[in-house]
């Protein structure tokens, strides 16, 4: 017996289940947007920079750029979910101009590196980057997704200080902004619980964000700063959007890093 409306309802339900299944299976292609092309030689992009290799605990060899400097504090830079280390070169040049040694890491799957990105893999990549720098004072600098990566690293290997640019409270909260019509929190495989992990971070933290950020709303970045167990400073850049150059290498960003580095001498 066919009840009125049953068959259309089953069709709709089937379509919804299939779509949710596809989102579950392919969600990382929406989260991680790497530029996979090989990058140019480091010295062509950042004066004095050299090619280095980071070896992860699961056996990957990842290309990175290292810029030497005479400041005693080094900066480990973890980028966002798109592009590769070439796109963070302006930040490295600006920090190197102040004498800061800089390591521009690239995750697995980014910038010609092997592997495919996922939360656990990025954790191993960041750990390998920290190992490369050895026994020196380090500032972890994380941009957006990279803020989540270095916060996780800071919880297990505390740095001298932490600079988080446009951090989200957790990946689900950021994803809900982009996809308000989807049950993002129920579907996500990668979590990146930044605010939760900040409770274990007792080093000085600087949170930088733009007031016009529509990708990671400013309220999320302020909530991350509020969750820090240690001293936290907020740097608000009026009118700046998530991908504006001023949030990559603008004077407020550079001043925040160099001031923290000088405090850690």
Protein backbone atom coordinates (compact mmCIF):
# COMPACT_ATOMS: atom_id res chain seq x y z
CA UNK A 1 0.00 0.00 0.00
CA UNK A 2 1.37 3.42 -0.98
CA UNK A 3 0.63 6.18 1.48
CA UNK A 4 0.39 9.69 0.04
CA UNK A 5 3.67 11.56 0.42
CA UNK A 6 5.70 8.54 1.58
CA UNK A 7 7.64 8.04 -1.64
CA UNK A 8 8.62 11.74 -2.04
CA UNK A 9 9.69 11.79 1.60
CA UNK A 10 11.85 8.72 1.09
CA UNK A 11 13.45 10.31 -1.95
CA UNK A 12 14.25 13.46 -0.01
CA UNK A 13 15.62 11.45 2.91
CA UNK A 14 17.79 9.39 0.57
CA UNK A 15 19.19 12.50 -1.07
CA UNK A 16 19.97 14.08 2.31
CA UNK A 17 21.70 10.91 3.55
CA UNK A 18 23.78 10.67 0.37
CA UNK A 19 24.79 14.34 0.57
CA UNK A 20 25.77 14.04 4.22
CA UNK A 21 27.75 10.90 3.41
CA UNK A 22 29.63 12.73 0.66
CA UNK A 23 30.35 15.62 3.02
CA UNK A 24 31.70 13.18 5.60
CA UNK A 25 33.93 11.47 3.05
CA UNK A 26 35.25 14.54 1.24
CA UNK A 27 35.13 17.21 3.95
CA UNK A 28 38.91 17.59 4.13
CA UNK A 29 38.88 18.86 0.57
CA UNK A 30 36.76 21.74 1.83
CA UNK A 31 38.91 22.37 4.91
CA UNK A 32 42.42 22.14 3.46
CA UNK A 33 43.09 24.14 0.32
CA UNK A 34 46.81 23.67 -0.35
CA UNK A 35 48.76 25.15 -3.19
CA UNK A 36 50.53 21.91 -4.11
CA UNK A 37 52.93 23.42 -6.66
CA UNK A 38 56.65 23.25 -5.87
CA UNK A 39 57.92 26.54 -4.48
CA UNK A 40 60.88 28.50 -5.89
CA UNK A 41 64.30 28.42 -4.19
CA UNK A 42 64.10 30.11 -0.81
CA UNK A 43 66.87 32.63 -1.44
CA UNK A 44 65.06 33.94 -4.53
CA UNK A 45 62.13 34.94 -2.34
CA UNK A 46 63.60 35.83 1.06
CA UNK A 47 67.19 37.16 1.19
CA UNK A 48 69.44 34.83 3.15
CA UNK A 49 66.84 32.05 3.39
CA UNK A 50 67.77 28.43 2.78
CA UNK A 51 65.97 25.19 2.04
CA UNK A 52 65.61 22.81 4.98
CA UNK A 53 63.91 19.46 5.49
CA UNK A 54 61.68 18.52 8.41
CA UNK A 55 61.30 14.81 9.19
CA UNK A 56 58.03 13.82 10.85
CA UNK A 57 57.46 10.97 13.29
CA UNK A 58 55.55 9.07 10.61
CA UNK A 59 58.43 9.29 8.16
CA UNK A 60 57.54 12.20 5.87
CA UNK A 61 60.22 14.61 4.67
CA UNK A 62 58.74 18.09 4.41
CA UNK A 63 60.30 21.08 2.68
CA UNK A 64 60.53 24.32 4.65
CA UNK A 65 62.43 27.62 4.55
CA UNK A 66 64.74 28.85 7.28
CA UNK A 67 65.93 32.44 7.55
CA UNK A 68 68.87 32.92 9.96
CA UNK A 69 69.05 35.97 12.21
CA UNK A 70 71.02 37.42 15.10
CA UNK A 71 68.13 37.74 17.55
CA UNK A 72 68.21 35.04 20.27
CA UNK A 73 64.50 34.27 19.81
CA UNK A 74 63.31 32.34 16.74
CA UNK A 75 59.85 32.41 15.15
CA UNK A 76 58.10 29.27 13.91
CA UNK A 77 55.42 30.24 11.37
CA UNK A 78 52.46 27.92 10.69
CA UNK A 79 50.24 29.11 7.84
CA UNK A 80 46.51 28.91 7.30
CA UNK A 81 44.54 26.35 5.37
CA UNK A 82 45.32 27.73 1.89
CA UNK A 83 48.43 28.48 -0.16
CA UNK A 84 51.92 27.44 0.93
CA UNK A 85 55.06 28.97 2.42
CA UNK A 86 55.61 31.18 -0.62
CA UNK A 87 52.51 33.14 0.39
CA UNK A 88 54.00 33.81 3.87
CA UNK A 89 57.27 35.17 2.47
CA UNK A 90 56.31 38.83 3.19
CA UNK A 91 55.97 37.93 6.87
CA UNK A 92 59.36 36.21 6.90
CA UNK A 93 61.04 39.16 5.17
CA UNK A 94 59.54 41.62 7.64
CA UNK A 95 60.56 39.60 10.70
CA UNK A 96 64.05 38.92 9.30
CA UNK A 97 64.50 42.68 8.83
CA UNK A 98 64.33 42.88 12.65
CA UNK A 99 66.99 40.17 12.99
CA UNK A 100 64.59 37.39 13.96
CA UNK A 101 65.39 33.87 12.74
CA UNK A 102 62.29 32.49 11.01
CA UNK A 103 61.19 28.97 10.09
CA UNK A 104 58.42 28.92 7.46
CA UNK A 105 56.99 25.42 7.67
CA UNK A 106 54.66 23.82 5.15
CA UNK A 107 52.25 21.06 6.09
CA UNK A 108 52.03 17.70 4.38
CA UNK A 109 50.39 18.11 0.99
CA UNK A 110 51.38 21.79 0.74
CA UNK A 111 54.10 23.36 -1.40
CA UNK A 112 55.18 20.13 -3.09
CA UNK A 113 55.32 18.16 0.17
CA UNK A 114 54.16 14.53 0.28
CA UNK A 115 51.12 13.34 2.22
CA UNK A 116 47.57 14.53 2.76
CA UNK A 117 46.58 17.06 5.44
CA UNK A 118 44.52 16.10 8.48
CA UNK A 119 44.53 17.21 12.11
CA UNK A 120 46.79 14.46 13.40
CA UNK A 121 49.21 14.85 10.50
CA UNK A 122 49.50 18.60 11.00
CA UNK A 123 50.28 17.96 14.66
CA UNK A 124 53.21 15.76 13.62
CA UNK A 125 54.35 18.36 11.09
CA UNK A 126 54.43 21.11 13.73
CA UNK A 127 56.30 18.88 16.13
CA UNK A 128 58.93 18.21 13.44
CA UNK A 129 59.28 21.96 12.87
CA UNK A 130 59.86 22.56 16.57
CA UNK A 131 62.43 19.76 16.68
CA UNK A 132 64.33 21.40 13.84
CA UNK A 133 64.81 24.62 15.81
CA UNK A 134 66.46 22.79 18.71
CA UNK A 135 67.13 24.22 22.14
CA UNK A 136 66.43 27.92 21.54
CA UNK A 137 63.65 30.25 22.71
CA UNK A 138 60.84 30.13 20.15
CA UNK A 139 57.70 32.11 19.41
CA UNK A 140 55.00 30.08 17.72
CA UNK A 141 53.16 32.18 15.14
CA UNK A 142 49.95 30.67 13.78
CA UNK A 143 47.69 32.11 11.10
CA UNK A 144 44.02 31.05 11.27
CA UNK A 145 44.19 27.24 10.97
CA UNK A 146 47.86 27.56 11.87
CA UNK A 147 46.81 29.19 15.14
CA UNK A 148 45.04 25.94 15.97
CA UNK A 149 48.11 23.92 14.99
CA UNK A 150 50.53 25.89 17.15
CA UNK A 151 48.13 26.04 20.10
CA UNK A 152 48.10 22.25 20.10
CA UNK A 153 51.90 22.26 19.91
CA UNK A 154 52.11 24.81 22.74
CA UNK A 155 50.01 22.61 25.00
CA UNK A 156 52.52 19.78 24.71
CA UNK A 157 55.76 21.75 24.08
CA UNK A 158 55.44 25.23 25.60
CA UNK A 159 57.14 27.99 23.60
CA UNK A 160 58.53 31.24 24.93
CA UNK A 161 55.42 32.96 23.60
CA UNK A 162 52.51 32.50 21.25
CA UNK A 163 51.14 34.82 18.55
CA UNK A 164 47.77 33.79 17.14
CA UNK A 165 46.49 35.62 14.07
CA UNK A 166 42.71 35.33 13.54
CA UNK A 167 42.25 32.21 15.69
CA UNK A 168 38.89 30.42 15.85
CA UNK A 169 37.56 28.83 19.03
CA UNK A 170 37.34 25.45 17.33
CA UNK A 171 37.05 24.28 13.74
CA UNK A 172 33.34 23.53 14.04
CA UNK A 173 32.61 27.10 15.10
CA UNK A 174 34.52 28.44 12.10
CA UNK A 175 32.86 25.92 9.79
CA UNK A 176 29.40 26.87 11.00
CA UNK A 177 30.05 30.43 9.84
CA UNK A 178 30.91 29.21 6.34
CA UNK A 179 28.14 26.58 6.18
CA UNK A 180 25.31 27.75 8.46
CA UNK A 181 22.83 25.33 6.88
CA UNK A 182 24.82 22.18 7.71
CA UNK A 183 25.26 20.21 10.98
CA UNK A 184 28.97 21.00 10.92
CA UNK A 185 29.76 19.98 14.49
CA UNK A 186 28.22 16.54 13.99
CA UNK A 187 29.99 15.94 10.68
CA UNK A 188 33.52 17.14 11.38
CA UNK A 189 36.34 14.63 11.65
CA UNK A 190 39.03 17.21 12.51
CA UNK A 191 38.28 19.30 15.59
CA UNK A 192 41.14 21.68 16.49
CA UNK A 193 39.73 22.75 19.91
CA UNK A 194 41.73 25.97 20.26
CA UNK A 195 39.91 27.65 23.15
CA UNK A 196 39.85 24.40 25.11
CA UNK A 197 43.60 23.90 24.67
CA UNK A 198 44.36 27.47 25.68
CA UNK A 199 43.57 26.47 29.26
CA UNK A 200 46.89 24.57 29.26
CA UNK A 201 48.91 27.42 27.71
CA UNK A 202 50.53 29.57 30.39
CA UNK A 203 53.08 31.45 28.28
CA UNK A 204 52.46 35.02 27.06
CA UNK A 205 49.90 35.07 24.23
CA UNK A 206 49.17 37.77 21.68
CA UNK A 207 45.94 37.48 19.67
CA UNK A 208 45.73 39.59 16.50
CA UNK A 209 42.53 39.93 14.49
CA UNK A 210 40.73 42.24 12.10
CA UNK A 211 37.40 43.81 12.94
CA UNK A 212 36.05 43.12 9.42
CA UNK A 213 36.91 39.42 9.39
CA UNK A 214 33.93 37.49 8.00
CA UNK A 215 35.69 34.11 7.89
CA UNK A 216 36.68 33.97 11.57
CA UNK A 217 34.45 36.48 13.37
CA UNK A 218 36.31 38.76 15.81
CA UNK A 219 34.30 37.38 18.72
CA UNK A 220 35.90 33.99 18.26
CA UNK A 221 39.40 35.46 18.39
CA UNK A 222 38.53 37.44 21.51
CA UNK A 223 37.17 34.26 23.11
CA UNK A 224 40.49 32.50 22.43
CA UNK A 225 42.36 35.30 24.18
CA UNK A 226 39.96 35.13 27.13
CA UNK A 227 40.55 31.37 27.44
CA UNK A 228 44.33 31.70 27.87
CA UNK A 229 45.68 30.53 31.20
CA UNK A 230 48.60 32.94 30.98
CA UNK A 231 48.87 36.65 30.19
CA UNK A 232 47.06 37.55 26.96
CA UNK A 233 47.26 40.69 24.84
CA UNK A 234 44.74 41.55 22.14
CA UNK A 235 45.71 43.52 19.03
CA UNK A 236 42.66 44.66 17.08
CA UNK A 237 43.18 45.94 13.52
CA UNK A 238 40.20 48.11 12.53
CA UNK A 239 38.66 47.38 9.14
CA UNK A 240 40.91 44.41 8.35
CA UNK A 241 39.45 41.31 6.70
CA UNK A 242 40.73 37.78 7.07
CA UNK A 243 42.95 37.77 3.98
CA UNK A 244 44.03 41.40 3.94
CA UNK A 245 47.82 41.96 3.63
CA UNK A 246 47.83 44.04 6.81
CA UNK A 247 47.05 40.84 8.74
CA UNK A 248 49.95 39.02 7.10
CA UNK A 249 52.84 41.44 7.42
CA UNK A 250 51.37 44.78 8.45
CA UNK A 251 53.07 46.92 11.10
CA UNK A 252 50.72 45.87 13.91
CA UNK A 253 51.50 42.20 13.29
CA UNK A 254 55.25 42.73 13.06
CA UNK A 255 55.28 44.99 16.13
CA UNK A 256 53.38 42.35 18.11
CA UNK A 257 55.94 39.66 17.26
CA UNK A 258 59.05 41.79 17.75
CA UNK A 259 57.81 43.23 21.04
CA UNK A 260 57.17 39.74 22.37
CA UNK A 261 60.56 38.55 21.14
CA UNK A 262 62.33 41.43 22.89
CA UNK A 263 60.50 40.55 26.13
CA UNK A 264 61.82 37.00 25.85
CA UNK A 265 65.49 37.91 25.33
